[in-house]
Amino acid sequence: MQEKEIIELIKAKDPRGAEEFLRNYSPLVRYVIGPIIKDEQDREECVSDVCMRVWERIESFDAAKGSFTTWITAIARNLALNMARRKVPDSGGEEINEEIPDSSHDPETEVLRKERLQALNEALKKLRKKDRLGYMLFYRKYYYMQSSVQIAAELGITVKAVESRLYRVKRQLREELGGE
């Protein structure tokens, strides 16, 4: 079944939409949450939570802001991080909004956030052009929280190669952003 059909079924609150969502997207959700949630039972609970969140908030999906897969990935990652934080006593962290963050801050904070985001995006664009593999490693390690071992196994390179490349990427980003 096509993505658009699944979205329409979910919007219509047709139970087949949830079935098709799980059939088509649960492997992606499991892949995203796997490095964050270690316990198998917790992972299954998180997959169910992601399905429910998609079901409840399908109207907030906007194809103009990103793909359906990207939206699902953001929900899965953030729900998994929240679940992991709840499992750690006194983690002190705030819960993360499951969807792509909404920018309802005061104007000064918003301007500063946009400037930092623009600087980071420019640095990542430069990095992406120079070092596509390094960019991908950085994203997998620090956004999806995958271990160096997992990344190395999936890409067919050594763990040492992953760590070395990440070190260079972080150094390049620090230089681009004017860090130490």
Protein backbone atom coordinates (compact mmCIF):
# COMPACT_ATOMS: atom_id res chain seq x y z
CA MET A 1 0.00 0.00 0.00
CA GLN A 2 1.27 3.48 -0.87
CA GLU A 3 2.17 6.12 1.69
CA LYS A 4 -0.64 8.47 0.60
CA GLU A 5 -3.21 5.70 0.99
CA ILE A 6 -1.98 4.92 4.51
CA ILE A 7 -2.14 8.60 5.45
CA GLU A 8 -5.70 8.87 4.11
CA LEU A 9 -6.79 5.73 6.01
CA ILE A 10 -5.34 7.11 9.23
CA LYS A 11 -6.97 10.50 8.66
CA ALA A 12 -10.29 8.72 8.12
CA LYS A 13 -9.63 6.78 11.38
CA ASP A 14 -9.97 3.52 9.46
CA PRO A 15 -8.39 0.67 11.51
CA ARG A 16 -6.73 -0.61 8.33
CA GLY A 17 -4.59 2.53 8.47
CA ALA A 18 -3.03 1.44 11.76
CA GLU A 19 -2.49 -2.09 10.42
CA GLU A 20 -0.83 -0.79 7.26
CA PHE A 21 1.21 1.71 9.25
CA LEU A 22 2.60 -1.07 11.45
CA ARG A 23 3.21 -3.36 8.48
CA ASN A 24 5.07 -0.69 6.50
CA TYR A 25 6.73 1.47 9.14
CA SER A 26 7.37 -0.65 12.25
CA PRO A 27 10.78 -1.82 10.92
CA LEU A 28 11.81 1.84 10.52
CA VAL A 29 10.50 2.70 13.99
CA ARG A 30 12.34 -0.27 15.53
CA TYR A 31 15.53 0.75 13.76
CA VAL A 32 15.28 4.31 15.11
CA ILE A 33 14.42 3.37 18.70
CA GLY A 34 16.74 0.35 18.95
CA PRO A 35 19.88 2.25 20.00
CA ILE A 36 17.92 4.33 22.51
CA ILE A 37 15.78 1.67 24.22
CA LYS A 38 17.57 -1.56 25.08
CA ASP A 39 14.76 -3.57 26.69
CA GLU A 40 12.69 -5.52 24.12
CA GLN A 41 9.42 -5.06 26.02
CA ASP A 42 10.01 -1.31 26.25
CA ARG A 43 10.77 -1.23 22.52
CA GLU A 44 7.47 -2.91 21.71
CA GLU A 45 5.66 -0.45 23.97
CA CYS A 46 7.40 2.42 22.21
CA VAL A 47 6.42 1.08 18.75
CA SER A 48 2.80 1.01 19.95
CA ASP A 49 3.14 4.52 21.35
CA VAL A 50 4.50 5.77 18.03
CA CYS A 51 1.57 4.20 16.18
CA MET A 52 -0.88 5.81 18.60
CA ARG A 53 0.83 9.19 18.33
CA VAL A 54 0.71 9.06 14.53
CA TRP A 55 -2.97 8.03 14.73
CA GLU A 56 -3.82 10.86 17.13
CA ARG A 57 -1.79 13.60 15.44
CA ILE A 58 -2.00 12.75 11.74
CA GLU A 59 -3.66 16.11 11.09
CA SER A 60 -0.47 17.88 12.20
CA PHE A 61 1.56 16.14 9.47
CA ASP A 62 2.52 18.68 6.82
CA ALA A 63 4.19 17.34 3.68
CA ALA A 64 5.52 20.83 2.96
CA LYS A 65 7.71 20.64 6.09
CA GLY A 66 9.09 17.18 5.41
CA SER A 67 8.30 13.65 4.34
CA PHE A 68 6.01 11.29 6.20
CA THR A 69 9.02 9.11 6.99
CA THR A 70 10.88 12.07 8.48
CA TRP A 71 7.85 12.96 10.60
CA ILE A 72 7.56 9.37 11.86
CA THR A 73 11.29 9.22 12.56
CA ALA A 74 11.14 12.41 14.65
CA ILE A 75 8.17 11.10 16.63
CA ALA A 76 9.85 7.72 17.21
CA ARG A 77 13.17 9.21 18.26
CA ASN A 78 11.62 11.70 20.66
CA LEU A 79 9.21 9.20 22.22
CA ALA A 80 12.11 6.78 22.71
CA LEU A 81 14.25 9.48 24.34
CA ASN A 82 11.37 10.40 26.65
CA MET A 83 10.84 6.76 27.57
CA ALA A 84 14.55 6.29 28.25
CA ARG A 85 14.61 9.41 30.46
CA ARG A 86 11.64 8.15 32.49
CA LYS A 87 13.52 4.88 33.14
CA VAL A 88 16.50 6.73 34.64
CA PRO A 89 15.73 8.08 38.11
CA ASP A 90 16.54 11.78 38.58
CA SER A 91 17.57 12.25 34.95
CA GLY A 92 16.69 15.92 35.34
CA GLY A 93 15.82 16.27 31.67
CA GLU A 94 12.69 17.77 30.25
CA GLU A 95 10.47 15.75 27.99
CA ILE A 96 10.92 16.35 24.29
CA ASN A 97 8.03 17.28 22.05
CA GLU A 98 7.39 14.21 19.89
CA GLU A 99 6.88 16.22 16.77
CA ILE A 100 9.20 18.59 15.01
CA PRO A 101 9.59 21.41 17.52
CA ASP A 102 7.31 24.38 17.27
CA SER A 103 9.05 27.70 17.54
CA SER A 104 6.77 29.58 19.91
CA HIS A 105 9.50 31.40 21.86
CA ASP A 106 9.86 35.06 22.64
CA PRO A 107 11.23 37.09 19.68
CA GLU A 108 14.77 37.52 21.06
CA THR A 109 15.19 33.82 21.80
CA GLU A 110 13.76 32.98 18.39
CA VAL A 111 16.22 35.27 16.58
CA LEU A 112 19.18 33.76 18.48
CA ARG A 113 17.92 30.23 17.80
CA LYS A 114 17.55 30.97 14.08
CA GLU A 115 21.06 32.46 13.91
CA ARG A 116 22.59 29.41 15.63
CA LEU A 117 20.58 27.05 13.44
CA GLN A 118 21.64 28.92 10.31
CA ALA A 119 25.31 28.78 11.35
CA LEU A 120 25.05 25.05 12.07
CA ASN A 121 23.28 24.41 8.76
CA GLU A 122 25.96 26.34 6.86
CA ALA A 123 28.70 24.37 8.62
CA LEU A 124 26.91 21.09 7.88
CA LYS A 125 26.44 22.06 4.20
CA LYS A 126 30.17 22.68 3.89
CA LEU A 127 30.87 19.42 5.68
CA ARG A 128 28.39 17.54 3.53
CA LYS A 129 30.08 18.71 0.34
CA LYS A 130 33.58 17.89 1.61
CA ASP A 131 32.88 14.73 3.57
CA ARG A 132 29.60 13.00 2.80
CA LEU A 133 30.50 9.91 4.85
CA GLY A 134 31.52 12.02 7.84
CA TYR A 135 28.26 13.94 7.64
CA MET A 136 26.29 10.68 7.59
CA LEU A 137 28.29 9.25 10.51
CA PHE A 138 27.74 12.41 12.56
CA TYR A 139 23.99 12.31 11.93
CA ARG A 140 23.69 8.62 12.80
CA LYS A 141 25.79 8.93 15.95
CA TYR A 142 24.40 12.13 17.43
CA TYR A 143 20.86 12.33 16.08
CA TYR A 144 19.87 8.67 15.99
CA MET A 145 22.17 7.77 18.89
CA GLN A 146 23.53 4.70 17.14
CA SER A 147 26.63 3.12 18.61
CA SER A 148 29.91 3.18 16.73
CA VAL A 149 29.77 -0.62 16.65
CA GLN A 150 26.35 -0.59 14.95
CA ILE A 151 27.41 2.05 12.44
CA ALA A 152 30.62 0.19 11.62
CA ALA A 153 28.79 -3.12 11.17
CA GLU A 154 26.14 -1.61 8.91
CA LEU A 155 28.67 0.28 6.77
CA GLY A 156 31.26 -2.48 6.65
CA ILE A 157 34.07 -0.41 8.19
CA THR A 158 35.96 -0.72 11.45
CA VAL A 159 34.89 0.89 14.70
CA LYS A 160 38.24 2.70 14.76
CA ALA A 161 37.47 4.18 11.31
CA VAL A 162 34.08 5.40 12.55
CA GLU A 163 35.58 7.00 15.67
CA SER A 164 38.42 8.63 13.71
CA ARG A 165 36.05 10.07 11.12
CA LEU A 166 33.72 11.38 13.85
CA TYR A 167 36.66 13.03 15.60
CA ARG A 168 37.63 14.83 12.38
CA VAL A 169 34.03 15.85 11.69
CA LYS A 170 33.61 17.34 15.16
CA ARG A 171 36.91 19.19 14.79
CA GLN A 172 35.77 20.58 11.41
CA LEU A 173 32.44 21.70 12.86
CA ARG A 174 34.20 23.41 15.79
CA GLU A 175 36.42 25.29 13.35
CA GLU A 176 33.45 26.29 11.16
CA LEU A 177 31.41 27.46 14.15
CA GLY A 178 34.29 29.31 15.78
CA GLY A 179 34.63 26.97 18.74
CA GLU A 180 37.79 26.09 20.59
